[in-house]
Amino acid sequence: QAVDEYKKLIAQTTDMIGQMDKFR
């Protein structure tokens, strides 16, 4: 269950980094 939650957090991390690249 914790691993599945961690996967979702990784997806959110990837999205945020993508947003930061757009801002840059």
PDBML (XML) file of the C-alpha atoms, coordinates in Angstrom:
<?xml version="1.0" encoding="UTF-8" ?>
<PDBx:datablock datablockName="MODEL"
   xmlns:PDBx="http://pdbml.pdb.org/schema/pdbx-v50.xsd"
   xmlns:xsi="http://www.w3.org/2001/XMLSchema-instance"
   xsi:schemaLocation="http://pdbml.pdb.org/schema/pdbx-v50.xsd pdbx-v50.xsd">
   <PDBx:atom_siteCategory>
      <PDBx:atom_site id="1">
         <PDBx:B_iso_or_equiv>0.00</PDBx:B_iso_or_equiv>
         <PDBx:Cartn_x>0.000</PDBx:Cartn_x>
         <PDBx:Cartn_y>0.000</PDBx:Cartn_y>
         <PDBx:Cartn_z>0.000</PDBx:Cartn_z>
         <PDBx:auth_asym_id>A</PDBx:auth_asym_id>
         <PDBx:auth_atom_id>CA</PDBx:auth_atom_id>
         <PDBx:auth_comp_id>GLN</PDBx:auth_comp_id>
         <PDBx:auth_seq_id>1</PDBx:auth_seq_id>
         <PDBx:group_PDB>ATOM</PDBx:group_PDB>
         <PDBx:label_alt_id xsi:nil="true" />
         <PDBx:label_asym_id>A</PDBx:label_asym_id>
         <PDBx:label_atom_id>CA</PDBx:label_atom_id>
         <PDBx:label_comp_id>GLN</PDBx:label_comp_id>
         <PDBx:label_entity_id>1</PDBx:label_entity_id>
         <PDBx:label_seq_id>1</PDBx:label_seq_id>
         <PDBx:occupancy>1.00</PDBx:occupancy>
         <PDBx:pdbx_PDB_model_num>1</PDBx:pdbx_PDB_model_num>
         <PDBx:type_symbol>C</PDBx:type_symbol>
      </PDBx:atom_site>
      <PDBx:atom_site id="2">
         <PDBx:B_iso_or_equiv>0.00</PDBx:B_iso_or_equiv>
         <PDBx:Cartn_x>2.847</PDBx:Cartn_x>
         <PDBx:Cartn_y>2.372</PDBx:Cartn_y>
         <PDBx:Cartn_z>0.856</PDBx:Cartn_z>
         <PDBx:auth_asym_id>A</PDBx:auth_asym_id>
         <PDBx:auth_atom_id>CA</PDBx:auth_atom_id>
         <PDBx:auth_comp_id>ALA</PDBx:auth_comp_id>
         <PDBx:auth_seq_id>2</PDBx:auth_seq_id>
         <PDBx:group_PDB>ATOM</PDBx:group_PDB>
         <PDBx:label_alt_id xsi:nil="true" />
         <PDBx:label_asym_id>A</PDBx:label_asym_id>
         <PDBx:label_atom_id>CA</PDBx:label_atom_id>
         <PDBx:label_comp_id>ALA</PDBx:label_comp_id>
         <PDBx:label_entity_id>1</PDBx:label_entity_id>
         <PDBx:label_seq_id>2</PDBx:label_seq_id>
         <PDBx:occupancy>1.00</PDBx:occupancy>
         <PDBx:pdbx_PDB_model_num>1</PDBx:pdbx_PDB_model_num>
         <PDBx:type_symbol>C</PDBx:type_symbol>
      </PDBx:atom_site>
      <PDBx:atom_site id="3">
         <PDBx:B_iso_or_equiv>0.00</PDBx:B_iso_or_equiv>
         <PDBx:Cartn_x>4.638</PDBx:Cartn_x>
         <PDBx:Cartn_y>1.513</PDBx:Cartn_y>
         <PDBx:Cartn_z>-2.406</PDBx:Cartn_z>
         <PDBx:auth_asym_id>A</PDBx:auth_asym_id>
         <PDBx:auth_atom_id>CA</PDBx:auth_atom_id>
         <PDBx:auth_comp_id>VAL</PDBx:auth_comp_id>
         <PDBx:auth_seq_id>3</PDBx:auth_seq_id>
         <PDBx:group_PDB>ATOM</PDBx:group_PDB>
         <PDBx:label_alt_id xsi:nil="true" />
         <PDBx:label_asym_id>A</PDBx:label_asym_id>
         <PDBx:label_atom_id>CA</PDBx:label_atom_id>
         <PDBx:label_comp_id>VAL</PDBx:label_comp_id>
         <PDBx:label_entity_id>1</PDBx:label_entity_id>
         <PDBx:label_seq_id>3</PDBx:label_seq_id>
         <PDBx:occupancy>1.00</PDBx:occupancy>
         <PDBx:pdbx_PDB_model_num>1</PDBx:pdbx_PDB_model_num>
         <PDBx:type_symbol>C</PDBx:type_symbol>
      </PDBx:atom_site>
      <PDBx:atom_site id="4">
         <PDBx:B_iso_or_equiv>0.00</PDBx:B_iso_or_equiv>
         <PDBx:Cartn_x>1.487</PDBx:Cartn_x>
         <PDBx:Cartn_y>2.257</PDBx:Cartn_y>
         <PDBx:Cartn_z>-4.408</PDBx:Cartn_z>
         <PDBx:auth_asym_id>A</PDBx:auth_asym_id>
         <PDBx:auth_atom_id>CA</PDBx:auth_atom_id>
         <PDBx:auth_comp_id>ASP</PDBx:auth_comp_id>
         <PDBx:auth_seq_id>4</PDBx:auth_seq_id>
         <PDBx:group_PDB>ATOM</PDBx:group_PDB>
         <PDBx:label_alt_id xsi:nil="true" />
         <PDBx:label_asym_id>A</PDBx:label_asym_id>
         <PDBx:label_atom_id>CA</PDBx:label_atom_id>
         <PDBx:label_comp_id>ASP</PDBx:label_comp_id>
         <PDBx:label_entity_id>1</PDBx:label_entity_id>
         <PDBx:label_seq_id>4</PDBx:label_seq_id>
         <PDBx:occupancy>1.00</PDBx:occupancy>
         <PDBx:pdbx_PDB_model_num>1</PDBx:pdbx_PDB_model_num>
         <PDBx:type_symbol>C</PDBx:type_symbol>
      </PDBx:atom_site>
      <PDBx:atom_site id="5">
         <PDBx:B_iso_or_equiv>0.00</PDBx:B_iso_or_equiv>
         <PDBx:Cartn_x>1.216</PDBx:Cartn_x>
         <PDBx:Cartn_y>5.610</PDBx:Cartn_y>
         <PDBx:Cartn_z>-2.642</PDBx:Cartn_z>
         <PDBx:auth_asym_id>A</PDBx:auth_asym_id>
         <PDBx:auth_atom_id>CA</PDBx:auth_atom_id>
         <PDBx:auth_comp_id>GLU</PDBx:auth_comp_id>
         <PDBx:auth_seq_id>5</PDBx:auth_seq_id>
         <PDBx:group_PDB>ATOM</PDBx:group_PDB>
         <PDBx:label_alt_id xsi:nil="true" />
         <PDBx:label_asym_id>A</PDBx:label_asym_id>
         <PDBx:label_atom_id>CA</PDBx:label_atom_id>
         <PDBx:label_comp_id>GLU</PDBx:label_comp_id>
         <PDBx:label_entity_id>1</PDBx:label_entity_id>
         <PDBx:label_seq_id>5</PDBx:label_seq_id>
         <PDBx:occupancy>1.00</PDBx:occupancy>
         <PDBx:pdbx_PDB_model_num>1</PDBx:pdbx_PDB_model_num>
         <PDBx:type_symbol>C</PDBx:type_symbol>
      </PDBx:atom_site>
      <PDBx:atom_site id="6">
         <PDBx:B_iso_or_equiv>0.00</PDBx:B_iso_or_equiv>
         <PDBx:Cartn_x>4.909</PDBx:Cartn_x>
         <PDBx:Cartn_y>6.258</PDBx:Cartn_y>
         <PDBx:Cartn_z>-3.364</PDBx:Cartn_z>
         <PDBx:auth_asym_id>A</PDBx:auth_asym_id>
         <PDBx:auth_atom_id>CA</PDBx:auth_atom_id>
         <PDBx:auth_comp_id>TYR</PDBx:auth_comp_id>
         <PDBx:auth_seq_id>6</PDBx:auth_seq_id>
         <PDBx:group_PDB>ATOM</PDBx:group_PDB>
         <PDBx:label_alt_id xsi:nil="true" />
         <PDBx:label_asym_id>A</PDBx:label_asym_id>
         <PDBx:label_atom_id>CA</PDBx:label_atom_id>
         <PDBx:label_comp_id>TYR</PDBx:label_comp_id>
         <PDBx:label_entity_id>1</PDBx:label_entity_id>
         <PDBx:label_seq_id>6</PDBx:label_seq_id>
         <PDBx:occupancy>1.00</PDBx:occupancy>
         <PDBx:pdbx_PDB_model_num>1</PDBx:pdbx_PDB_model_num>
         <PDBx:type_symbol>C</PDBx:type_symbol>
      </PDBx:atom_site>
      <PDBx:atom_site id="7">
         <PDBx:B_iso_or_equiv>0.00</PDBx:B_iso_or_equiv>
         <PDBx:Cartn_x>4.278</PDBx:Cartn_x>
         <PDBx:Cartn_y>5.654</PDBx:Cartn_y>
         <PDBx:Cartn_z>-7.071</PDBx:Cartn_z>
         <PDBx:auth_asym_id>A</PDBx:auth_asym_id>
         <PDBx:auth_atom_id>CA</PDBx:auth_atom_id>
         <PDBx:auth_comp_id>LYS</PDBx:auth_comp_id>
         <PDBx:auth_seq_id>7</PDBx:auth_seq_id>
         <PDBx:group_PDB>ATOM</PDBx:group_PDB>
         <PDBx:label_alt_id xsi:nil="true" />
         <PDBx:label_asym_id>A</PDBx:label_asym_id>
         <PDBx:label_atom_id>CA</PDBx:label_atom_id>
         <PDBx:label_comp_id>LYS</PDBx:label_comp_id>
         <PDBx:label_entity_id>1</PDBx:label_entity_id>
         <PDBx:label_seq_id>7</PDBx:label_seq_id>
         <PDBx:occupancy>1.00</PDBx:occupancy>
         <PDBx:pdbx_PDB_model_num>1</PDBx:pdbx_PDB_model_num>
         <PDBx:type_symbol>C</PDBx:type_symbol>
      </PDBx:atom_site>
      <PDBx:atom_site id="8">
         <PDBx:B_iso_or_equiv>0.00</PDBx:B_iso_or_equiv>
         <PDBx:Cartn_x>1.602</PDBx:Cartn_x>
         <PDBx:Cartn_y>8.352</PDBx:Cartn_y>
         <PDBx:Cartn_z>-7.075</PDBx:Cartn_z>
         <PDBx:auth_asym_id>A</PDBx:auth_asym_id>
         <PDBx:auth_atom_id>CA</PDBx:auth_atom_id>
         <PDBx:auth_comp_id>LYS</PDBx:auth_comp_id>
         <PDBx:auth_seq_id>8</PDBx:auth_seq_id>
         <PDBx:group_PDB>ATOM</PDBx:group_PDB>
         <PDBx:label_alt_id xsi:nil="true" />
         <PDBx:label_asym_id>A</PDBx:label_asym_id>
         <PDBx:label_atom_id>CA</PDBx:label_atom_id>
         <PDBx:label_comp_id>LYS</PDBx:label_comp_id>
         <PDBx:label_entity_id>1</PDBx:label_entity_id>
         <PDBx:label_seq_id>8</PDBx:label_seq_id>
         <PDBx:occupancy>1.00</PDBx:occupancy>
         <PDBx:pdbx_PDB_model_num>1</PDBx:pdbx_PDB_model_num>
         <PDBx:type_symbol>C</PDBx:type_symbol>
      </PDBx:atom_site>
      <PDBx:atom_site id="9">
         <PDBx:B_iso_or_equiv>0.00</PDBx:B_iso_or_equiv>
         <PDBx:Cartn_x>4.013</PDBx:Cartn_x>
         <PDBx:Cartn_y>10.743</PDBx:Cartn_y>
         <PDBx:Cartn_z>-5.381</PDBx:Cartn_z>
         <PDBx:auth_asym_id>A</PDBx:auth_asym_id>
         <PDBx:auth_atom_id>CA</PDBx:auth_atom_id>
         <PDBx:auth_comp_id>LEU</PDBx:auth_comp_id>
         <PDBx:auth_seq_id>9</PDBx:auth_seq_id>
         <PDBx:group_PDB>ATOM</PDBx:group_PDB>
         <PDBx:label_alt_id xsi:nil="true" />
         <PDBx:label_asym_id>A</PDBx:label_asym_id>
         <PDBx:label_atom_id>CA</PDBx:label_atom_id>
         <PDBx:label_comp_id>LEU</PDBx:label_comp_id>
         <PDBx:label_entity_id>1</PDBx:label_entity_id>
         <PDBx:label_seq_id>9</PDBx:label_seq_id>
         <PDBx:occupancy>1.00</PDBx:occupancy>
         <PDBx:pdbx_PDB_model_num>1</PDBx:pdbx_PDB_model_num>
         <PDBx:type_symbol>C</PDBx:type_symbol>
      </PDBx:atom_site>
      <PDBx:atom_site id="10">
         <PDBx:B_iso_or_equiv>0.00</PDBx:B_iso_or_equiv>
         <PDBx:Cartn_x>6.610</PDBx:Cartn_x>
         <PDBx:Cartn_y>10.005</PDBx:Cartn_y>
         <PDBx:Cartn_z>-8.068</PDBx:Cartn_z>
         <PDBx:auth_asym_id>A</PDBx:auth_asym_id>
         <PDBx:auth_atom_id>CA</PDBx:auth_atom_id>
         <PDBx:auth_comp_id>ILE</PDBx:auth_comp_id>
         <PDBx:auth_seq_id>10</PDBx:auth_seq_id>
         <PDBx:group_PDB>ATOM</PDBx:group_PDB>
         <PDBx:label_alt_id xsi:nil="true" />
         <PDBx:label_asym_id>A</PDBx:label_asym_id>
         <PDBx:label_atom_id>CA</PDBx:label_atom_id>
         <PDBx:label_comp_id>ILE</PDBx:label_comp_id>
         <PDBx:label_entity_id>1</PDBx:label_entity_id>
         <PDBx:label_seq_id>10</PDBx:label_seq_id>
         <PDBx:occupancy>1.00</PDBx:occupancy>
         <PDBx:pdbx_PDB_model_num>1</PDBx:pdbx_PDB_model_num>
         <PDBx:type_symbol>C</PDBx:type_symbol>
      </PDBx:atom_site>
      <PDBx:atom_site id="11">
         <PDBx:B_iso_or_equiv>0.00</PDBx:B_iso_or_equiv>
         <PDBx:Cartn_x>4.053</PDBx:Cartn_x>
         <PDBx:Cartn_y>10.861</PDBx:Cartn_y>
         <PDBx:Cartn_z>-10.735</PDBx:Cartn_z>
         <PDBx:auth_asym_id>A</PDBx:auth_asym_id>
         <PDBx:auth_atom_id>CA</PDBx:auth_atom_id>
         <PDBx:auth_comp_id>ALA</PDBx:auth_comp_id>
         <PDBx:auth_seq_id>11</PDBx:auth_seq_id>
         <PDBx:group_PDB>ATOM</PDBx:group_PDB>
         <PDBx:label_alt_id xsi:nil="true" />
         <PDBx:label_asym_id>A</PDBx:label_asym_id>
         <PDBx:label_atom_id>CA</PDBx:label_atom_id>
         <PDBx:label_comp_id>ALA</PDBx:label_comp_id>
         <PDBx:label_entity_id>1</PDBx:label_entity_id>
         <PDBx:label_seq_id>11</PDBx:label_seq_id>
         <PDBx:occupancy>1.00</PDBx:occupancy>
         <PDBx:pdbx_PDB_model_num>1</PDBx:pdbx_PDB_model_num>
         <PDBx:type_symbol>C</PDBx:type_symbol>
      </PDBx:atom_site>
      <PDBx:atom_site id="12">
         <PDBx:B_iso_or_equiv>0.00</PDBx:B_iso_or_equiv>
         <PDBx:Cartn_x>3.305</PDBx:Cartn_x>
         <PDBx:Cartn_y>14.140</PDBx:Cartn_y>
         <PDBx:Cartn_z>-8.948</PDBx:Cartn_z>
         <PDBx:auth_asym_id>A</PDBx:auth_asym_id>
         <PDBx:auth_atom_id>CA</PDBx:auth_atom_id>
         <PDBx:auth_comp_id>GLN</PDBx:auth_comp_id>
         <PDBx:auth_seq_id>12</PDBx:auth_seq_id>
         <PDBx:group_PDB>ATOM</PDBx:group_PDB>
         <PDBx:label_alt_id xsi:nil="true" />
         <PDBx:label_asym_id>A</PDBx:label_asym_id>
         <PDBx:label_atom_id>CA</PDBx:label_atom_id>
         <PDBx:label_comp_id>GLN</PDBx:label_comp_id>
         <PDBx:label_entity_id>1</PDBx:label_entity_id>
         <PDBx:label_seq_id>12</PDBx:label_seq_id>
         <PDBx:occupancy>1.00</PDBx:occupancy>
         <PDBx:pdbx_PDB_model_num>1</PDBx:pdbx_PDB_model_num>
         <PDBx:type_symbol>C</PDBx:type_symbol>
      </PDBx:atom_site>
      <PDBx:atom_site id="13">
         <PDBx:B_iso_or_equiv>0.00</PDBx:B_iso_or_equiv>
         <PDBx:Cartn_x>7.031</PDBx:Cartn_x>
         <PDBx:Cartn_y>14.855</PDBx:Cartn_y>
         <PDBx:Cartn_z>-8.677</PDBx:Cartn_z>
         <PDBx:auth_asym_id>A</PDBx:auth_asym_id>
         <PDBx:auth_atom_id>CA</PDBx:auth_atom_id>
         <PDBx:auth_comp_id>THR</PDBx:auth_comp_id>
         <PDBx:auth_seq_id>13</PDBx:auth_seq_id>
         <PDBx:group_PDB>ATOM</PDBx:group_PDB>
         <PDBx:label_alt_id xsi:nil="true" />
         <PDBx:label_asym_id>A</PDBx:label_asym_id>
         <PDBx:label_atom_id>CA</PDBx:label_atom_id>
         <PDBx:label_comp_id>THR</PDBx:label_comp_id>
         <PDBx:label_entity_id>1</PDBx:label_entity_id>
         <PDBx:label_seq_id>13</PDBx:label_seq_id>
         <PDBx:occupancy>1.00</PDBx:occupancy>
         <PDBx:pdbx_PDB_model_num>1</PDBx:pdbx_PDB_model_num>
         <PDBx:type_symbol>C</PDBx:type_symbol>
      </PDBx:atom_site>
      <PDBx:atom_site id="14">
         <PDBx:B_iso_or_equiv>0.00</PDBx:B_iso_or_equiv>
         <PDBx:Cartn_x>7.462</PDBx:Cartn_x>
         <PDBx:Cartn_y>14.296</PDBx:Cartn_y>
         <PDBx:Cartn_z>-12.404</PDBx:Cartn_z>
         <PDBx:auth_asym_id>A</PDBx:auth_asym_id>
         <PDBx:auth_atom_id>CA</PDBx:auth_atom_id>
         <PDBx:auth_comp_id>THR</PDBx:auth_comp_id>
         <PDBx:auth_seq_id>14</PDBx:auth_seq_id>
         <PDBx:group_PDB>ATOM</PDBx:group_PDB>
         <PDBx:label_alt_id xsi:nil="true" />
         <PDBx:label_asym_id>A</PDBx:label_asym_id>
         <PDBx:label_atom_id>CA</PDBx:label_atom_id>
         <PDBx:label_comp_id>THR</PDBx:label_comp_id>
         <PDBx:label_entity_id>1</PDBx:label_entity_id>
         <PDBx:label_seq_id>14</PDBx:label_seq_id>
         <PDBx:occupancy>1.00</PDBx:occupancy>
         <PDBx:pdbx_PDB_model_num>1</PDBx:pdbx_PDB_model_num>
         <PDBx:type_symbol>C</PDBx:type_symbol>
      </PDBx:atom_site>
      <PDBx:atom_site id="15">
         <PDBx:B_iso_or_equiv>0.00</PDBx:B_iso_or_equiv>
         <PDBx:Cartn_x>4.548</PDBx:Cartn_x>
         <PDBx:Cartn_y>16.612</PDBx:Cartn_y>
         <PDBx:Cartn_z>-13.186</PDBx:Cartn_z>
         <PDBx:auth_asym_id>A</PDBx:auth_asym_id>
         <PDBx:auth_atom_id>CA</PDBx:auth_atom_id>
         <PDBx:auth_comp_id>ASP</PDBx:auth_comp_id>
         <PDBx:auth_seq_id>15</PDBx:auth_seq_id>
         <PDBx:group_PDB>ATOM</PDBx:group_PDB>
         <PDBx:label_alt_id xsi:nil="true" />
         <PDBx:label_asym_id>A</PDBx:label_asym_id>
         <PDBx:label_atom_id>CA</PDBx:label_atom_id>
         <PDBx:label_comp_id>ASP</PDBx:label_comp_id>
         <PDBx:label_entity_id>1</PDBx:label_entity_id>
         <PDBx:label_seq_id>15</PDBx:label_seq_id>
         <PDBx:occupancy>1.00</PDBx:occupancy>
         <PDBx:pdbx_PDB_model_num>1</PDBx:pdbx_PDB_model_num>
         <PDBx:type_symbol>C</PDBx:type_symbol>
      </PDBx:atom_site>
      <PDBx:atom_site id="16">
         <PDBx:B_iso_or_equiv>0.00</PDBx:B_iso_or_equiv>
         <PDBx:Cartn_x>5.936</PDBx:Cartn_x>
         <PDBx:Cartn_y>19.352</PDBx:Cartn_y>
         <PDBx:Cartn_z>-10.947</PDBx:Cartn_z>
         <PDBx:auth_asym_id>A</PDBx:auth_asym_id>
         <PDBx:auth_atom_id>CA</PDBx:auth_atom_id>
         <PDBx:auth_comp_id>MET</PDBx:auth_comp_id>
         <PDBx:auth_seq_id>16</PDBx:auth_seq_id>
         <PDBx:group_PDB>ATOM</PDBx:group_PDB>
         <PDBx:label_alt_id xsi:nil="true" />
         <PDBx:label_asym_id>A</PDBx:label_asym_id>
         <PDBx:label_atom_id>CA</PDBx:label_atom_id>
         <PDBx:label_comp_id>MET</PDBx:label_comp_id>
         <PDBx:label_entity_id>1</PDBx:label_entity_id>
         <PDBx:label_seq_id>16</PDBx:label_seq_id>
         <PDBx:occupancy>1.00</PDBx:occupancy>
         <PDBx:pdbx_PDB_model_num>1</PDBx:pdbx_PDB_model_num>
         <PDBx:type_symbol>C</PDBx:type_symbol>
      </PDBx:atom_site>
      <PDBx:atom_site id="17">
         <PDBx:B_iso_or_equiv>0.00</PDBx:B_iso_or_equiv>
         <PDBx:Cartn_x>9.377</PDBx:Cartn_x>
         <PDBx:Cartn_y>19.141</PDBx:Cartn_y>
         <PDBx:Cartn_z>-12.493</PDBx:Cartn_z>
         <PDBx:auth_asym_id>A</PDBx:auth_asym_id>
         <PDBx:auth_atom_id>CA</PDBx:auth_atom_id>
         <PDBx:auth_comp_id>ILE</PDBx:auth_comp_id>
         <PDBx:auth_seq_id>17</PDBx:auth_seq_id>
         <PDBx:group_PDB>ATOM</PDBx:group_PDB>
         <PDBx:label_alt_id xsi:nil="true" />
         <PDBx:label_asym_id>A</PDBx:label_asym_id>
         <PDBx:label_atom_id>CA</PDBx:label_atom_id>
         <PDBx:label_comp_id>ILE</PDBx:label_comp_id>
         <PDBx:label_entity_id>1</PDBx:label_entity_id>
         <PDBx:label_seq_id>17</PDBx:label_seq_id>
         <PDBx:occupancy>1.00</PDBx:occupancy>
         <PDBx:pdbx_PDB_model_num>1</PDBx:pdbx_PDB_model_num>
         <PDBx:type_symbol>C</PDBx:type_symbol>
      </PDBx:atom_site>
      <PDBx:atom_site id="18">
         <PDBx:B_iso_or_equiv>0.00</PDBx:B_iso_or_equiv>
         <PDBx:Cartn_x>7.737</PDBx:Cartn_x>
         <PDBx:Cartn_y>19.362</PDBx:Cartn_y>
         <PDBx:Cartn_z>-15.913</PDBx:Cartn_z>
         <PDBx:auth_asym_id>A</PDBx:auth_asym_id>
         <PDBx:auth_atom_id>CA</PDBx:auth_atom_id>
         <PDBx:auth_comp_id>GLY</PDBx:auth_comp_id>
         <PDBx:auth_seq_id>18</PDBx:auth_seq_id>
         <PDBx:group_PDB>ATOM</PDBx:group_PDB>
         <PDBx:label_alt_id xsi:nil="true" />
         <PDBx:label_asym_id>A</PDBx:label_asym_id>
         <PDBx:label_atom_id>CA</PDBx:label_atom_id>
         <PDBx:label_comp_id>GLY</PDBx:label_comp_id>
         <PDBx:label_entity_id>1</PDBx:label_entity_id>
         <PDBx:label_seq_id>18</PDBx:label_seq_id>
         <PDBx:occupancy>1.00</PDBx:occupancy>
         <PDBx:pdbx_PDB_model_num>1</PDBx:pdbx_PDB_model_num>
         <PDBx:type_symbol>C</PDBx:type_symbol>
      </PDBx:atom_site>
      <PDBx:atom_site id="19">
         <PDBx:B_iso_or_equiv>0.00</PDBx:B_iso_or_equiv>
         <PDBx:Cartn_x>5.881</PDBx:Cartn_x>
         <PDBx:Cartn_y>22.500</PDBx:Cartn_y>
         <PDBx:Cartn_z>-14.789</PDBx:Cartn_z>
         <PDBx:auth_asym_id>A</PDBx:auth_asym_id>
         <PDBx:auth_atom_id>CA</PDBx:auth_atom_id>
         <PDBx:auth_comp_id>GLN</PDBx:auth_comp_id>
         <PDBx:auth_seq_id>19</PDBx:auth_seq_id>
         <PDBx:group_PDB>ATOM</PDBx:group_PDB>
         <PDBx:label_alt_id xsi:nil="true" />
         <PDBx:label_asym_id>A</PDBx:label_asym_id>
         <PDBx:label_atom_id>CA</PDBx:label_atom_id>
         <PDBx:label_comp_id>GLN</PDBx:label_comp_id>
         <PDBx:label_entity_id>1</PDBx:label_entity_id>
         <PDBx:label_seq_id>19</PDBx:label_seq_id>
         <PDBx:occupancy>1.00</PDBx:occupancy>
         <PDBx:pdbx_PDB_model_num>1</PDBx:pdbx_PDB_model_num>
         <PDBx:type_symbol>C</PDBx:type_symbol>
      </PDBx:atom_site>
      <PDBx:atom_site id="20">
         <PDBx:B_iso_or_equiv>0.00</PDBx:B_iso_or_equiv>
         <PDBx:Cartn_x>9.134</PDBx:Cartn_x>
         <PDBx:Cartn_y>24.001</PDBx:Cartn_y>
         <PDBx:Cartn_z>-13.526</PDBx:Cartn_z>
         <PDBx:auth_asym_id>A</PDBx:auth_asym_id>
         <PDBx:auth_atom_id>CA</PDBx:auth_atom_id>
         <PDBx:auth_comp_id>MET</PDBx:auth_comp_id>
         <PDBx:auth_seq_id>20</PDBx:auth_seq_id>
         <PDBx:group_PDB>ATOM</PDBx:group_PDB>
         <PDBx:label_alt_id xsi:nil="true" />
         <PDBx:label_asym_id>A</PDBx:label_asym_id>
         <PDBx:label_atom_id>CA</PDBx:label_atom_id>
         <PDBx:label_comp_id>MET</PDBx:label_comp_id>
         <PDBx:label_entity_id>1</PDBx:label_entity_id>
         <PDBx:label_seq_id>20</PDBx:label_seq_id>
         <PDBx:occupancy>1.00</PDBx:occupancy>
         <PDBx:pdbx_PDB_model_num>1</PDBx:pdbx_PDB_model_num>
         <PDBx:type_symbol>C</PDBx:type_symbol>
      </PDBx:atom_site>
      <PDBx:atom_site id="21">
         <PDBx:B_iso_or_equiv>0.00</PDBx:B_iso_or_equiv>
         <PDBx:Cartn_x>10.734</PDBx:Cartn_x>
         <PDBx:Cartn_y>23.386</PDBx:Cartn_y>
         <PDBx:Cartn_z>-16.920</PDBx:Cartn_z>
         <PDBx:auth_asym_id>A</PDBx:auth_asym_id>
         <PDBx:auth_atom_id>CA</PDBx:auth_atom_id>
         <PDBx:auth_comp_id>ASP</PDBx:auth_comp_id>
         <PDBx:auth_seq_id>21</PDBx:auth_seq_id>
         <PDBx:group_PDB>ATOM</PDBx:group_PDB>
         <PDBx:label_alt_id xsi:nil="true" />
         <PDBx:label_asym_id>A</PDBx:label_asym_id>
         <PDBx:label_atom_id>CA</PDBx:label_atom_id>
         <PDBx:label_comp_id>ASP</PDBx:label_comp_id>
         <PDBx:label_entity_id>1</PDBx:label_entity_id>
         <PDBx:label_seq_id>21</PDBx:label_seq_id>
         <PDBx:occupancy>1.00</PDBx:occupancy>
         <PDBx:pdbx_PDB_model_num>1</PDBx:pdbx_PDB_model_num>
         <PDBx:type_symbol>C</PDBx:type_symbol>
      </PDBx:atom_site>
      <PDBx:atom_site id="22">
         <PDBx:B_iso_or_equiv>0.00</PDBx:B_iso_or_equiv>
         <PDBx:Cartn_x>7.838</PDBx:Cartn_x>
         <PDBx:Cartn_y>25.262</PDBx:Cartn_y>
         <PDBx:Cartn_z>-18.561</PDBx:Cartn_z>
         <PDBx:auth_asym_id>A</PDBx:auth_asym_id>
         <PDBx:auth_atom_id>CA</PDBx:auth_atom_id>
         <PDBx:auth_comp_id>LYS</PDBx:auth_comp_id>
         <PDBx:auth_seq_id>22</PDBx:auth_seq_id>
         <PDBx:group_PDB>ATOM</PDBx:group_PDB>
         <PDBx:label_alt_id xsi:nil="true" />
         <PDBx:label_asym_id>A</PDBx:label_asym_id>
         <PDBx:label_atom_id>CA</PDBx:label_atom_id>
         <PDBx:label_comp_id>LYS</PDBx:label_comp_id>
         <PDBx:label_entity_id>1</PDBx:label_entity_id>
         <PDBx:label_seq_id>22</PDBx:label_seq_id>
         <PDBx:occupancy>1.00</PDBx:occupancy>
         <PDBx:pdbx_PDB_model_num>1</PDBx:pdbx_PDB_model_num>
         <PDBx:type_symbol>C</PDBx:type_symbol>
      </PDBx:atom_site>
      <PDBx:atom_site id="23">
         <PDBx:B_iso_or_equiv>0.00</PDBx:B_iso_or_equiv>
         <PDBx:Cartn_x>8.263</PDBx:Cartn_x>
         <PDBx:Cartn_y>28.164</PDBx:Cartn_y>
         <PDBx:Cartn_z>-16.153</PDBx:Cartn_z>
         <PDBx:auth_asym_id>A</PDBx:auth_asym_id>
         <PDBx:auth_atom_id>CA</PDBx:auth_atom_id>
         <PDBx:auth_comp_id>PHE</PDBx:auth_comp_id>
         <PDBx:auth_seq_id>23</PDBx:auth_seq_id>
         <PDBx:group_PDB>ATOM</PDBx:group_PDB>
         <PDBx:label_alt_id xsi:nil="true" />
         <PDBx:label_asym_id>A</PDBx:label_asym_id>
         <PDBx:label_atom_id>CA</PDBx:label_atom_id>
         <PDBx:label_comp_id>PHE</PDBx:label_comp_id>
         <PDBx:label_entity_id>1</PDBx:label_entity_id>
         <PDBx:label_seq_id>23</PDBx:label_seq_id>
         <PDBx:occupancy>1.00</PDBx:occupancy>
         <PDBx:pdbx_PDB_model_num>1</PDBx:pdbx_PDB_model_num>
         <PDBx:type_symbol>C</PDBx:type_symbol>
      </PDBx:atom_site>
      <PDBx:atom_site id="24">
         <PDBx:B_iso_or_equiv>0.00</PDBx:B_iso_or_equiv>
         <PDBx:Cartn_x>11.981</PDBx:Cartn_x>
         <PDBx:Cartn_y>28.293</PDBx:Cartn_y>
         <PDBx:Cartn_z>-16.931</PDBx:Cartn_z>
         <PDBx:auth_asym_id>A</PDBx:auth_asym_id>
         <PDBx:auth_atom_id>CA</PDBx:auth_atom_id>
         <PDBx:auth_comp_id>ARG</PDBx:auth_comp_id>
         <PDBx:auth_seq_id>24</PDBx:auth_seq_id>
         <PDBx:group_PDB>ATOM</PDBx:group_PDB>
         <PDBx:label_alt_id xsi:nil="true" />
         <PDBx:label_asym_id>A</PDBx:label_asym_id>
         <PDBx:label_atom_id>CA</PDBx:label_atom_id>
         <PDBx:label_comp_id>ARG</PDBx:label_comp_id>
         <PDBx:label_entity_id>1</PDBx:label_entity_id>
         <PDBx:label_seq_id>24</PDBx:label_seq_id>
         <PDBx:occupancy>1.00</PDBx:occupancy>
         <PDBx:pdbx_PDB_model_num>1</PDBx:pdbx_PDB_model_num>
         <PDBx:type_symbol>C</PDBx:type_symbol>
      </PDBx:atom_site>
   </PDBx:atom_siteCategory>
</PDBx:datablock>
